[in-house]
Amino acid sequence: MRDLAIGVIGTGKMGADHAETISSVVARASVRAVVDIDHKRAESVASRLPSARSIVSVEELIQSPDIDAIIIATNSDAHTEQVLACVAAGKPVLCEKPLAPTVAECEKILRAEQVVGQRLLQVGFMRRFDPAYVELQQQLASGSIGHPLLAHCAHRNFGVSSRWEAADTIVSAAVHEFDVMPWLFGREVVGVNWSSPIPIASRSLPDPQLIVLELAGGPLVVAEVTMHSYGYEIRCEIVGDKGAIELAGNARTARRTRLQVSEALPEDFRLRFADAYRIELQSWVDAIHRWRSDPSGNEPISGADGWDGYRAAVITEAVIASMNNGQKTAVNYLPIPDLYRSSRTAS
């Protein structure tokens, strides 16, 4: 079977990284076309890839008969229109998070997939492919710590733009917890509560922010999100009634010198999750190949689907509501459509 021809919409940091990863280490796929609102940036990325060309129009890329599947790595405001066009064209699409800026737009995407009767959309929640998180999930599923009761999480950044506001932290950083926690626990988030030691009215970004997620059946997730810290670090410990399990350190080595032990931390998420992105892209490509060989028995996704993207958006809006009203907020979802029901890991 020939290699998949991939088109990439958006050639900023994420889009360029995905394009280069596919071109260098992902088997049975190649990037054939890229497009960006900044045409010179798209041309620059295409020039570094062995078989890619720069296209001026997003519509031309999506409709191109020689493009098999599409990656969307644009500003989130453009996601809805672009995902809907991909679904209408019957092309598998990997869309970076968040799926869409609002719950209503996510619902529109769900309805579009239901019309075509197949899950064509995968959302780029890469933590599901990170070897450490995969092992964490396997340990929980095995019952090695008994019944999981509580998660302590931390998402710390080395720094973000001075233009960021409190809601940006929730939409662009905390959203990873909104996906990975239901996936780990196999339970839905039913309530949320936001707080911070920095007043929300402050001119500065509230940092850190603390988000409590209540899961169905009782477990709690306490997630700290800090945007200006000592480096990029992701922590997660899950406590059960028979033990606890946690992610190991971010560094591969630790240095011991006189009276101290130290380890280097990455500056951003791309270094910490490089393996996750590579595995995610390869898994997605493999799923599309299986689908192309047997469309009736397979689907062209391997990770978070449209419903997962919708769920994360619902939780995001509830957390922002809690931030604005200072109260615990319930999380309510649509009934799960049959198209997505069989794939659910969370109940």
C-alpha atoms as a PDB file:
ATOM      1  CA  MET A   1       0.000   0.000   0.000  1.00  0.00           C
ATOM      2  CA  ARG A   2       1.354   3.407  -0.957  1.00  0.00           C
ATOM      3  CA  ASP A   3       2.346   6.007   1.605  1.00  0.00           C
ATOM      4  CA  LEU A   4      -0.366   8.324   2.888  1.00  0.00           C
ATOM      5  CA  ALA A   5      -0.262  11.817   1.446  1.00  0.00           C
ATOM      6  CA  ILE A   6      -0.711  14.238   4.358  1.00  0.00           C
ATOM      7  CA  GLY A   7      -1.734  17.872   4.148  1.00  0.00           C
ATOM      8  CA  VAL A   8      -0.944  20.257   7.016  1.00  0.00           C
ATOM      9  CA  ILE A   9      -3.075  23.345   7.688  1.00  0.00           C
ATOM     10  CA  GLY A  10      -1.130  25.806   9.835  1.00  0.00           C
ATOM     11  CA  THR A  11       2.664  25.897   9.828  1.00  0.00           C
ATOM     12  CA  GLY A  12       3.360  27.599  13.136  1.00  0.00           C
ATOM     13  CA  LYS A  13       5.152  25.836  15.963  1.00  0.00           C
ATOM     14  CA  MET A  14       2.879  22.771  16.152  1.00  0.00           C
ATOM     15  CA  GLY A  15       2.163  22.404  12.444  1.00  0.00           C
ATOM     16  CA  ALA A  16       5.827  22.693  11.475  1.00  0.00           C
ATOM     17  CA  ASP A  17       6.829  20.180  14.153  1.00  0.00           C
ATOM     18  CA  HIS A  18       4.189  17.688  12.977  1.00  0.00           C
ATOM     19  CA  ALA A  19       5.235  18.095   9.348  1.00  0.00           C
ATOM     20  CA  GLU A  20       8.897  17.535  10.150  1.00  0.00           C
ATOM     21  CA  THR A  21       8.138  14.565  12.427  1.00  0.00           C
ATOM     22  CA  ILE A  22       6.118  12.856   9.697  1.00  0.00           C
ATOM     23  CA  SER A  23       8.823  13.522   7.142  1.00  0.00           C
ATOM     24  CA  SER A  24      11.661  12.253   9.337  1.00  0.00           C
ATOM     25  CA  VAL A  25      10.419   9.415  11.567  1.00  0.00           C
ATOM     26  CA  VAL A  26       6.834   8.372  10.716  1.00  0.00           C
ATOM     27  CA  ALA A  27       6.594   5.349   8.436  1.00  0.00           C
ATOM     28  CA  ARG A  28       4.212   4.970   5.471  1.00  0.00           C
ATOM     29  CA  ALA A  29       3.338   8.656   5.250  1.00  0.00           C
ATOM     30  CA  SER A  30       4.702  11.847   3.754  1.00  0.00           C
ATOM     31  CA  VAL A  31       3.689  15.496   3.864  1.00  0.00           C
ATOM     32  CA  ARG A  32       2.648  16.539   0.374  1.00  0.00           C
ATOM     33  CA  ALA A  33       1.147  19.977   0.972  1.00  0.00           C
ATOM     34  CA  VAL A  34       1.092  22.741   3.569  1.00  0.00           C
ATOM     35  CA  VAL A  35      -0.918  25.939   3.865  1.00  0.00           C
ATOM     36  CA  ASP A  36      -0.806  28.902   6.220  1.00  0.00           C
ATOM     37  CA  ILE A  37      -2.280  32.389   6.400  1.00  0.00           C
ATOM     38  CA  ASP A  38       1.383  33.469   6.362  1.00  0.00           C
ATOM     39  CA  HIS A  39       2.310  32.248   2.874  1.00  0.00           C
ATOM     40  CA  LYS A  40       6.036  32.860   3.342  1.00  0.00           C
ATOM     41  CA  ARG A  41       6.046  30.736   6.489  1.00  0.00           C
ATOM     42  CA  ALA A  42       4.281  27.918   4.633  1.00  0.00           C
ATOM     43  CA  GLU A  43       6.786  28.162   1.788  1.00  0.00           C
ATOM     44  CA  SER A  44       9.654  28.016   4.270  1.00  0.00           C
ATOM     45  CA  VAL A  45       8.285  24.851   5.907  1.00  0.00           C
ATOM     46  CA  ALA A  46       7.603  23.217   2.524  1.00  0.00           C
ATOM     47  CA  SER A  47      11.142  23.933   1.397  1.00  0.00           C
ATOM     48  CA  ARG A  48      12.495  21.849   4.280  1.00  0.00           C
ATOM     49  CA  LEU A  49      10.367  18.796   3.420  1.00  0.00           C
ATOM     50  CA  PRO A  50      11.341  16.393   0.641  1.00  0.00           C
ATOM     51  CA  SER A  51       7.951  16.064  -1.095  1.00  0.00           C
ATOM     52  CA  ALA A  52       5.828  19.008   0.065  1.00  0.00           C
ATOM     53  CA  ARG A  53       4.462  22.000  -1.784  1.00  0.00           C
ATOM     54  CA  SER A  54       2.956  25.193  -0.434  1.00  0.00           C
ATOM     55  CA  ILE A  55      -0.718  25.843  -1.260  1.00  0.00           C
ATOM     56  CA  VAL A  56      -2.380  29.233  -0.975  1.00  0.00           C
ATOM     57  CA  SER A  57      -5.931  28.060  -0.183  1.00  0.00           C
ATOM     58  CA  VAL A  58      -7.139  25.889   2.716  1.00  0.00           C
ATOM     59  CA  GLU A  59     -10.082  24.814   0.563  1.00  0.00           C
ATOM     60  CA  GLU A  60      -7.751  23.724  -2.239  1.00  0.00           C
ATOM     61  CA  LEU A  61      -5.725  21.578   0.150  1.00  0.00           C
ATOM     62  CA  ILE A  62      -8.796  19.885   1.657  1.00  0.00           C
ATOM     63  CA  GLN A  63     -10.368  19.187  -1.734  1.00  0.00           C
ATOM     64  CA  SER A  64      -7.144  18.097  -3.412  1.00  0.00           C
ATOM     65  CA  PRO A  65      -7.576  14.526  -4.756  1.00  0.00           C
ATOM     66  CA  ASP A  66      -3.960  13.671  -3.992  1.00  0.00           C
ATOM     67  CA  ILE A  67      -4.266  14.465  -0.246  1.00  0.00           C
ATOM     68  CA  ASP A  68      -5.441  11.491   1.837  1.00  0.00           C
ATOM     69  CA  ALA A  69      -5.551  12.941   5.361  1.00  0.00           C
ATOM     70  CA  ILE A  70      -5.159  16.316   7.029  1.00  0.00           C
ATOM     71  CA  ILE A  71      -3.584  17.793  10.151  1.00  0.00           C
ATOM     72  CA  ILE A  72      -5.093  21.023  11.496  1.00  0.00           C
ATOM     73  CA  ALA A  73      -2.717  23.132  13.608  1.00  0.00           C
ATOM     74  CA  THR A  74      -4.229  26.578  13.161  1.00  0.00           C
ATOM     75  CA  ASN A  75      -5.624  29.050  15.663  1.00  0.00           C
ATOM     76  CA  SER A  76      -8.557  27.439  17.463  1.00  0.00           C
ATOM     77  CA  ASP A  77     -10.971  30.020  16.032  1.00  0.00           C
ATOM     78  CA  ALA A  78     -10.482  28.389  12.618  1.00  0.00           C
ATOM     79  CA  HIS A  79     -10.869  24.777  13.744  1.00  0.00           C
ATOM     80  CA  THR A  80     -14.634  24.401  13.345  1.00  0.00           C
ATOM     81  CA  GLU A  81     -14.820  25.481   9.722  1.00  0.00           C
ATOM     82  CA  GLN A  82     -11.755  23.473   8.763  1.00  0.00           C
ATOM     83  CA  VAL A  83     -12.804  20.284  10.578  1.00  0.00           C
ATOM     84  CA  LEU A  84     -16.287  20.462   9.073  1.00  0.00           C
ATOM     85  CA  ALA A  85     -14.777  20.801   5.582  1.00  0.00           C
ATOM     86  CA  CYS A  86     -12.566  17.750   6.152  1.00  0.00           C
ATOM     87  CA  VAL A  87     -15.473  15.660   7.429  1.00  0.00           C
ATOM     88  CA  ALA A  88     -17.655  16.734   4.499  1.00  0.00           C
ATOM     89  CA  ALA A  89     -14.840  15.708   2.136  1.00  0.00           C
ATOM     90  CA  GLY A  90     -14.640  12.299   3.847  1.00  0.00           C
ATOM     91  CA  LYS A  91     -11.011  12.781   4.836  1.00  0.00           C
ATOM     92  CA  PRO A  92      -9.463  11.700   8.148  1.00  0.00           C
ATOM     93  CA  VAL A  93      -8.351  14.712  10.168  1.00  0.00           C
ATOM     94  CA  LEU A  94      -6.131  15.159  13.207  1.00  0.00           C
ATOM     95  CA  CYS A  95      -7.048  18.470  14.845  1.00  0.00           C
ATOM     96  CA  GLU A  96      -4.905  19.993  17.563  1.00  0.00           C
ATOM     97  CA  LYS A  97      -6.628  20.873  20.823  1.00  0.00           C
ATOM     98  CA  PRO A  98      -8.901  22.538  21.650  1.00  0.00           C
ATOM     99  CA  LEU A  99     -11.311  21.019  19.142  1.00  0.00           C
ATOM    100  CA  ALA A 100     -13.254  24.298  18.938  1.00  0.00           C
ATOM    101  CA  PRO A 101     -13.590  27.498  20.973  1.00  0.00           C
ATOM    102  CA  THR A 102     -17.110  26.732  22.238  1.00  0.00           C
ATOM    103  CA  VAL A 103     -19.263  23.785  23.219  1.00  0.00           C
ATOM    104  CA  ALA A 104     -21.819  24.784  20.584  1.00  0.00           C
ATOM    105  CA  GLU A 105     -19.196  24.511  17.841  1.00  0.00           C
ATOM    106  CA  CYS A 106     -18.096  21.108  19.138  1.00  0.00           C
ATOM    107  CA  GLU A 107     -21.715  19.952  19.002  1.00  0.00           C
ATOM    108  CA  LYS A 108     -21.881  21.107  15.375  1.00  0.00           C
ATOM    109  CA  ILE A 109     -18.846  18.935  14.590  1.00  0.00           C
ATOM    110  CA  LEU A 110     -20.417  15.944  16.339  1.00  0.00           C
ATOM    111  CA  ARG A 111     -23.562  16.338  14.243  1.00  0.00           C
ATOM    112  CA  ALA A 112     -21.486  16.475  11.056  1.00  0.00           C
ATOM    113  CA  GLU A 113     -19.774  13.188  11.891  1.00  0.00           C
ATOM    114  CA  GLN A 114     -23.118  11.599  12.697  1.00  0.00           C
ATOM    115  CA  VAL A 115     -24.361  12.619   9.250  1.00  0.00           C
ATOM    116  CA  VAL A 116     -21.498  10.801   7.526  1.00  0.00           C
ATOM    117  CA  GLY A 117     -21.865   7.928   9.994  1.00  0.00           C
ATOM    118  CA  GLN A 118     -18.188   7.511  10.826  1.00  0.00           C
ATOM    119  CA  ARG A 119     -15.624   8.932  13.195  1.00  0.00           C
ATOM    120  CA  LEU A 120     -13.127  10.704  10.935  1.00  0.00           C
ATOM    121  CA  LEU A 121     -11.811  13.140  13.545  1.00  0.00           C
ATOM    122  CA  GLN A 122      -9.019  12.624  16.040  1.00  0.00           C
ATOM    123  CA  VAL A 123      -8.199  15.371  18.556  1.00  0.00           C
ATOM    124  CA  GLY A 124      -4.546  15.960  19.385  1.00  0.00           C
ATOM    125  CA  PHE A 125      -4.507  15.039  23.068  1.00  0.00           C
ATOM    126  CA  MET A 126      -1.021  13.568  22.897  1.00  0.00           C
ATOM    127  CA  ARG A 127      -0.724  12.564  26.567  1.00  0.00           C
ATOM    128  CA  ARG A 128      -2.695   9.400  25.748  1.00  0.00           C
ATOM    129  CA  PHE A 129       0.353   8.308  23.721  1.00  0.00           C
ATOM    130  CA  ASP A 130       3.060   9.347  26.175  1.00  0.00           C
ATOM    131  CA  PRO A 131       4.794   6.146  27.392  1.00  0.00           C
ATOM    132  CA  ALA A 132       4.670   7.314  31.024  1.00  0.00           C
ATOM    133  CA  TYR A 133       0.946   8.088  30.930  1.00  0.00           C
ATOM    134  CA  VAL A 134       0.262   4.816  29.075  1.00  0.00           C
ATOM    135  CA  GLU A 135       2.030   2.875  31.824  1.00  0.00           C
ATOM    136  CA  LEU A 136       0.154   4.872  34.449  1.00  0.00           C
ATOM    137  CA  GLN A 137      -3.139   3.936  32.807  1.00  0.00           C
ATOM    138  CA  GLN A 138      -2.120   0.279  32.566  1.00  0.00           C
ATOM    139  CA  GLN A 139      -1.154   0.190  36.250  1.00  0.00           C
ATOM    140  CA  LEU A 140      -4.504   1.678  37.236  1.00  0.00           C
ATOM    141  CA  ALA A 141      -6.397  -0.789  35.043  1.00  0.00           C
ATOM    142  CA  SER A 142      -4.489  -3.697  36.593  1.00  0.00           C
ATOM    143  CA  GLY A 143      -5.677  -2.759  40.084  1.00  0.00           C
ATOM    144  CA  SER A 144      -2.106  -2.471  41.381  1.00  0.00           C
ATOM    145  CA  ILE A 145      -3.039   0.384  43.756  1.00  0.00           C
ATOM    146  CA  GLY A 146      -6.553  -0.795  44.408  1.00  0.00           C
ATOM    147  CA  HIS A 147      -9.451   1.597  43.869  1.00  0.00           C
ATOM    148  CA  PRO A 148      -8.110   5.001  42.691  1.00  0.00           C
ATOM    149  CA  LEU A 149      -9.421   7.804  44.890  1.00  0.00           C
ATOM    150  CA  LEU A 150      -7.396  10.962  44.305  1.00  0.00           C
ATOM    151  CA  ALA A 151      -5.045  12.503  41.738  1.00  0.00           C
ATOM    152  CA  HIS A 152      -2.525  15.265  42.403  1.00  0.00           C
ATOM    153  CA  CYS A 153      -1.482  16.971  39.154  1.00  0.00           C
ATOM    154  CA  ALA A 154       0.786  19.859  38.240  1.00  0.00           C
ATOM    155  CA  HIS A 155       1.287  21.532  34.863  1.00  0.00           C
ATOM    156  CA  ARG A 156       4.103  24.078  35.081  1.00  0.00           C
ATOM    157  CA  ASN A 157       5.363  26.206  32.215  1.00  0.00           C
ATOM    158  CA  PHE A 158       8.613  28.094  31.870  1.00  0.00           C
ATOM    159  CA  GLY A 159       6.649  31.107  30.655  1.00  0.00           C
ATOM    160  CA  VAL A 160       3.902  32.263  28.304  1.00  0.00           C
ATOM    161  CA  SER A 161       3.003  35.420  26.408  1.00  0.00           C
ATOM    162  CA  SER A 162       2.282  38.530  28.448  1.00  0.00           C
ATOM    163  CA  ARG A 163      -1.050  38.675  26.602  1.00  0.00           C
ATOM    164  CA  TRP A 164      -2.318  35.513  28.312  1.00  0.00           C
ATOM    165  CA  GLU A 165      -5.286  35.827  30.644  1.00  0.00           C
ATOM    166  CA  ALA A 166      -6.680  33.395  33.202  1.00  0.00           C
ATOM    167  CA  ALA A 167      -9.025  31.737  30.690  1.00  0.00           C
ATOM    168  CA  ASP A 168      -6.136  31.113  28.271  1.00  0.00           C
ATOM    169  CA  THR A 169      -4.489  28.954  30.914  1.00  0.00           C
ATOM    170  CA  ILE A 170      -7.629  26.836  31.180  1.00  0.00           C
ATOM    171  CA  VAL A 171      -8.254  26.573  27.429  1.00  0.00           C
ATOM    172  CA  SER A 172      -4.673  25.877  26.371  1.00  0.00           C
ATOM    173  CA  ALA A 173      -3.003  24.169  29.351  1.00  0.00           C
ATOM    174  CA  ALA A 174      -5.443  22.760  31.909  1.00  0.00           C
ATOM    175  CA  VAL A 175      -7.487  21.238  29.078  1.00  0.00           C
ATOM    176  CA  HIS A 176      -5.000  18.366  28.933  1.00  0.00           C
ATOM    177  CA  GLU A 177      -6.101  17.303  32.424  1.00  0.00           C
ATOM    178  CA  PHE A 178      -9.731  17.508  31.284  1.00  0.00           C
ATOM    179  CA  ASP A 179      -8.978  14.820  28.703  1.00  0.00           C
ATOM    180  CA  VAL A 180      -6.427  12.609  30.382  1.00  0.00           C
ATOM    181  CA  MET A 181      -8.096  12.280  33.793  1.00  0.00           C
ATOM    182  CA  PRO A 182     -11.362  10.736  32.495  1.00  0.00           C
ATOM    183  CA  TRP A 183      -9.194   8.498  30.298  1.00  0.00           C
ATOM    184  CA  LEU A 184      -7.065   7.357  33.254  1.00  0.00           C
ATOM    185  CA  PHE A 185      -9.895   6.874  35.738  1.00  0.00           C
ATOM    186  CA  GLY A 186     -12.536   5.646  33.288  1.00  0.00           C
ATOM    187  CA  ARG A 187     -15.000   8.125  34.840  1.00  0.00           C
ATOM    188  CA  GLU A 188     -16.607  11.355  33.714  1.00  0.00           C
ATOM    189  CA  VAL A 189     -16.017  14.743  35.331  1.00  0.00           C
ATOM    190  CA  VAL A 190     -19.294  15.811  36.966  1.00  0.00           C
ATOM    191  CA  GLY A 191     -18.270  18.937  38.898  1.00  0.00           C
ATOM    192  CA  VAL A 192     -15.462  21.516  38.957  1.00  0.00           C
ATOM    193  CA  ASN A 193     -14.164  24.258  41.232  1.00  0.00           C
ATOM    194  CA  TRP A 194     -11.575  26.940  40.377  1.00  0.00           C
ATOM    195  CA  SER A 195      -9.455  28.974  42.784  1.00  0.00           C
ATOM    196  CA  SER A 196      -6.191  30.903  42.917  1.00  0.00           C
ATOM    197  CA  PRO A 197      -4.139  32.714  45.565  1.00  0.00           C
ATOM    198  CA  ILE A 198      -3.923  35.630  43.092  1.00  0.00           C
ATOM    199  CA  PRO A 199      -7.166  37.649  42.837  1.00  0.00           C
ATOM    200  CA  ILE A 200      -8.853  37.267  39.470  1.00  0.00           C
ATOM    201  CA  ALA A 201      -9.228  41.057  39.275  1.00  0.00           C
ATOM    202  CA  SER A 202      -5.458  41.461  39.398  1.00  0.00           C
ATOM    203  CA  ARG A 203      -3.835  42.871  36.266  1.00  0.00           C
ATOM    204  CA  SER A 204      -1.384  39.983  36.325  1.00  0.00           C
ATOM    205  CA  LEU A 205      -2.158  36.446  35.248  1.00  0.00           C
ATOM    206  CA  PRO A 206      -3.482  34.464  38.250  1.00  0.00           C
ATOM    207  CA  ASP A 207      -0.607  32.079  38.848  1.00  0.00           C
ATOM    208  CA  PRO A 208      -0.902  29.381  40.027  1.00  0.00           C
ATOM    209  CA  GLN A 209      -4.477  28.336  39.375  1.00  0.00           C
ATOM    210  CA  LEU A 210      -5.986  25.390  41.241  1.00  0.00           C
ATOM    211  CA  ILE A 211      -8.765  23.309  39.679  1.00  0.00           C
ATOM    212  CA  VAL A 212     -10.627  20.535  41.461  1.00  0.00           C
ATOM    213  CA  LEU A 213     -12.387  17.991  39.249  1.00  0.00           C
ATOM    214  CA  GLU A 214     -15.045  15.779  40.804  1.00  0.00           C
ATOM    215  CA  LEU A 215     -15.354  12.447  39.003  1.00  0.00           C
ATOM    216  CA  ALA A 216     -18.444  10.262  38.865  1.00  0.00           C
ATOM    217  CA  GLY A 217     -18.471   7.886  41.811  1.00  0.00           C
ATOM    218  CA  GLY A 218     -16.379  10.092  44.111  1.00  0.00           C
ATOM    219  CA  PRO A 219     -12.706  10.332  43.034  1.00  0.00           C
ATOM    220  CA  LEU A 220     -11.158  13.821  43.028  1.00  0.00           C
ATOM    221  CA  VAL A 221      -8.485  15.407  40.853  1.00  0.00           C
ATOM    222  CA  VAL A 222      -6.561  18.383  42.249  1.00  0.00           C
ATOM    223  CA  ALA A 223      -4.802  20.095  39.335  1.00  0.00           C
ATOM    224  CA  GLU A 224      -2.362  22.980  39.725  1.00  0.00           C
ATOM    225  CA  VAL A 225      -1.540  25.014  36.612  1.00  0.00           C
ATOM    226  CA  THR A 226       1.344  27.515  36.741  1.00  0.00           C
ATOM    227  CA  MET A 227       2.382  29.429  33.641  1.00  0.00           C
ATOM    228  CA  HIS A 228       5.552  31.139  34.916  1.00  0.00           C
ATOM    229  CA  SER A 229       7.778  28.680  36.727  1.00  0.00           C
ATOM    230  CA  TYR A 230      11.295  27.215  36.865  1.00  0.00           C
ATOM    231  CA  GLY A 231      10.907  25.133  33.683  1.00  0.00           C
ATOM    232  CA  TYR A 232       8.416  22.882  31.944  1.00  0.00           C
ATOM    233  CA  GLU A 233       7.302  20.062  34.200  1.00  0.00           C
ATOM    234  CA  ILE A 234       4.305  17.736  34.307  1.00  0.00           C
ATOM    235  CA  ARG A 235       3.504  15.868  37.513  1.00  0.00           C
ATOM    236  CA  CYS A 236       0.815  13.328  38.301  1.00  0.00           C
ATOM    237  CA  GLU A 237       0.319  11.088  41.321  1.00  0.00           C
ATOM    238  CA  ILE A 238      -2.746   8.905  41.771  1.00  0.00           C
ATOM    239  CA  VAL A 239      -3.609   7.614  45.234  1.00  0.00           C
ATOM    240  CA  GLY A 240      -5.611   4.437  45.654  1.00  0.00           C
ATOM    241  CA  ASP A 241      -6.900   2.533  48.657  1.00  0.00           C
ATOM    242  CA  LYS A 242      -3.946   0.103  48.390  1.00  0.00           C
ATOM    243  CA  GLY A 243      -1.116   2.343  47.270  1.00  0.00           C
ATOM    244  CA  ALA A 244      -0.082   5.159  44.965  1.00  0.00           C
ATOM    245  CA  ILE A 245       1.545   5.552  41.571  1.00  0.00           C
ATOM    246  CA  GLU A 246       3.118   8.597  39.950  1.00  0.00           C
ATOM    247  CA  LEU A 247       4.869   9.746  36.816  1.00  0.00           C
ATOM    248  CA  ALA A 248       8.644   9.538  37.060  1.00  0.00           C
ATOM    249  CA  GLY A 249      10.793  12.649  36.651  1.00  0.00           C
ATOM    250  CA  ASN A 250      10.973  14.546  33.378  1.00  0.00           C
ATOM    251  CA  ALA A 251      14.734  14.232  32.987  1.00  0.00           C
ATOM    252  CA  ARG A 252      16.458  11.079  31.739  1.00  0.00           C
ATOM    253  CA  THR A 253      19.500  11.635  33.939  1.00  0.00           C
ATOM    254  CA  ALA A 254      20.302  13.149  37.333  1.00  0.00           C
ATOM    255  CA  ARG A 255      23.632  14.810  38.109  1.00  0.00           C
ATOM    256  CA  ARG A 256      25.281  14.420  41.503  1.00  0.00           C
ATOM    257  CA  THR A 257      27.914  16.942  42.513  1.00  0.00           C
ATOM    258  CA  ARG A 258      29.148  18.183  45.869  1.00  0.00           C
ATOM    259  CA  LEU A 259      26.231  18.123  48.315  1.00  0.00           C
ATOM    260  CA  GLN A 260      23.530  18.298  45.647  1.00  0.00           C
ATOM    261  CA  VAL A 261      21.577  16.307  43.092  1.00  0.00           C
ATOM    262  CA  SER A 262      20.169  18.080  40.036  1.00  0.00           C
ATOM    263  CA  GLU A 263      18.424  17.355  36.774  1.00  0.00           C
ATOM    264  CA  ALA A 264      17.731  19.512  33.733  1.00  0.00           C
ATOM    265  CA  LEU A 265      14.164  20.432  32.775  1.00  0.00           C
ATOM    266  CA  PRO A 266      12.920  21.210  29.257  1.00  0.00           C
ATOM    267  CA  GLU A 267      11.839  24.718  28.319  1.00  0.00           C
ATOM    268  CA  ASP A 268       8.589  23.659  26.688  1.00  0.00           C
ATOM    269  CA  PHE A 269       6.169  20.815  25.965  1.00  0.00           C
ATOM    270  CA  ARG A 270       7.741  19.754  22.671  1.00  0.00           C
ATOM    271  CA  LEU A 271      10.805  18.316  24.374  1.00  0.00           C
ATOM    272  CA  ARG A 272       8.875  16.645  27.210  1.00  0.00           C
ATOM    273  CA  PHE A 273       6.326  15.070  24.869  1.00  0.00           C
ATOM    274  CA  ALA A 274       8.461  14.433  21.779  1.00  0.00           C
ATOM    275  CA  ASP A 275       7.921  10.666  22.033  1.00  0.00           C
ATOM    276  CA  ALA A 276       4.185  11.159  22.585  1.00  0.00           C
ATOM    277  CA  TYR A 277       3.826  13.246  19.422  1.00  0.00           C
ATOM    278  CA  ARG A 278       5.836  10.746  17.375  1.00  0.00           C
ATOM    279  CA  ILE A 279       3.806   7.787  18.640  1.00  0.00           C
ATOM    280  CA  GLU A 280       0.539   9.701  18.185  1.00  0.00           C
ATOM    281  CA  LEU A 281       1.312  10.491  14.537  1.00  0.00           C
ATOM    282  CA  GLN A 282       2.494   6.970  13.738  1.00  0.00           C
ATOM    283  CA  SER A 283      -0.539   5.442  15.426  1.00  0.00           C
ATOM    284  CA  TRP A 284      -2.844   7.782  13.482  1.00  0.00           C
ATOM    285  CA  VAL A 285      -1.182   6.906  10.166  1.00  0.00           C
ATOM    286  CA  ASP A 286      -1.420   3.184  10.930  1.00  0.00           C
ATOM    287  CA  ALA A 287      -5.122   3.529  11.778  1.00  0.00           C
ATOM    288  CA  ILE A 288      -5.795   5.284   8.471  1.00  0.00           C
ATOM    289  CA  HIS A 289      -4.011   2.521   6.578  1.00  0.00           C
ATOM    290  CA  ARG A 290      -6.178  -0.098   8.306  1.00  0.00           C
ATOM    291  CA  TRP A 291      -9.278   1.934   7.470  1.00  0.00           C
ATOM    292  CA  ARG A 292      -8.296   2.284   3.822  1.00  0.00           C
ATOM    293  CA  SER A 293      -7.844  -1.476   3.544  1.00  0.00           C
ATOM    294  CA  ASP A 294     -11.141  -2.230   5.332  1.00  0.00           C
ATOM    295  CA  PRO A 295     -13.433   0.826   5.658  1.00  0.00           C
ATOM    296  CA  SER A 296     -16.338  -1.271   6.921  1.00  0.00           C
ATOM    297  CA  GLY A 297     -14.455  -2.723   9.860  1.00  0.00           C
ATOM    298  CA  ASN A 298     -12.102   0.061  10.951  1.00  0.00           C
ATOM    299  CA  GLU A 299     -12.053   3.783  11.655  1.00  0.00           C
ATOM    300  CA  PRO A 300      -9.219   6.187  10.833  1.00  0.00           C
ATOM    301  CA  ILE A 301      -8.482   7.290  14.391  1.00  0.00           C
ATOM    302  CA  SER A 302      -6.375   5.906  17.215  1.00  0.00           C
ATOM    303  CA  GLY A 303      -6.843   8.358  20.094  1.00  0.00           C
ATOM    304  CA  ALA A 304      -9.259  10.969  21.380  1.00  0.00           C
ATOM    305  CA  ASP A 305     -12.293  11.353  19.127  1.00  0.00           C
ATOM    306  CA  GLY A 306     -14.846  14.096  18.555  1.00  0.00           C
ATOM    307  CA  TRP A 307     -16.748  13.239  21.714  1.00  0.00           C
ATOM    308  CA  ASP A 308     -13.557  13.543  23.764  1.00  0.00           C
ATOM    309  CA  GLY A 309     -12.971  16.973  22.238  1.00  0.00           C
ATOM    310  CA  TYR A 310     -16.550  17.940  23.079  1.00  0.00           C
ATOM    311  CA  ARG A 311     -16.181  16.652  26.663  1.00  0.00           C
ATOM    312  CA  ALA A 312     -13.031  18.720  27.190  1.00  0.00           C
ATOM    313  CA  ALA A 313     -14.863  21.806  25.903  1.00  0.00           C
ATOM    314  CA  VAL A 314     -17.782  21.238  28.294  1.00  0.00           C
ATOM    315  CA  ILE A 315     -15.390  20.930  31.239  1.00  0.00           C
ATOM    316  CA  THR A 316     -13.455  23.994  30.069  1.00  0.00           C
ATOM    317  CA  GLU A 317     -16.595  26.131  29.984  1.00  0.00           C
ATOM    318  CA  ALA A 318     -17.612  24.868  33.429  1.00  0.00           C
ATOM    319  CA  VAL A 319     -14.193  25.753  34.898  1.00  0.00           C
ATOM    320  CA  ILE A 320     -14.320  29.234  33.380  1.00  0.00           C
ATOM    321  CA  ALA A 321     -17.822  29.644  34.832  1.00  0.00           C
ATOM    322  CA  SER A 322     -16.490  28.606  38.258  1.00  0.00           C
ATOM    323  CA  MET A 323     -13.639  31.090  37.885  1.00  0.00           C
ATOM    324  CA  ASN A 324     -16.108  33.896  37.118  1.00  0.00           C
ATOM    325  CA  ASN A 325     -18.756  33.096  39.744  1.00  0.00           C
ATOM    326  CA  GLY A 326     -16.496  31.749  42.507  1.00  0.00           C
ATOM    327  CA  GLN A 327     -18.638  28.653  42.983  1.00  0.00           C
ATOM    328  CA  LYS A 328     -18.495  24.954  42.332  1.00  0.00           C
ATOM    329  CA  THR A 329     -20.069  24.264  38.950  1.00  0.00           C
ATOM    330  CA  ALA A 330     -21.804  21.140  37.693  1.00  0.00           C
ATOM    331  CA  VAL A 331     -20.720  19.602  34.387  1.00  0.00           C
ATOM    332  CA  ASN A 332     -23.509  18.404  32.097  1.00  0.00           C
ATOM    333  CA  TYR A 333     -23.138  16.602  28.776  1.00  0.00           C
ATOM    334  CA  LEU A 334     -25.378  15.655  25.905  1.00  0.00           C
ATOM    335  CA  PRO A 335     -26.451  11.998  25.778  1.00  0.00           C
ATOM    336  CA  ILE A 336     -23.659  10.086  24.048  1.00  0.00           C
ATOM    337  CA  PRO A 337     -24.611   9.434  20.397  1.00  0.00           C
ATOM    338  CA  ASP A 338     -24.397   5.812  19.254  1.00  0.00           C
ATOM    339  CA  LEU A 339     -21.531   6.708  16.912  1.00  0.00           C
ATOM    340  CA  TYR A 340     -19.275   7.348  19.913  1.00  0.00           C
ATOM    341  CA  ARG A 341     -20.758   5.026  22.519  1.00  0.00           C
ATOM    342  CA  SER A 342     -18.835   1.852  21.667  1.00  0.00           C
ATOM    343  CA  SER A 343     -15.482   3.612  21.949  1.00  0.00           C
ATOM    344  CA  ARG A 344     -16.001   5.072  25.418  1.00  0.00           C
ATOM    345  CA  THR A 345     -13.455   4.323  28.092  1.00  0.00           C
ATOM    346  CA  ALA A 346     -15.118   6.650  30.588  1.00  0.00           C
ATOM    347  CA  SER A 347     -18.589   6.027  32.018  1.00  0.00           C
END
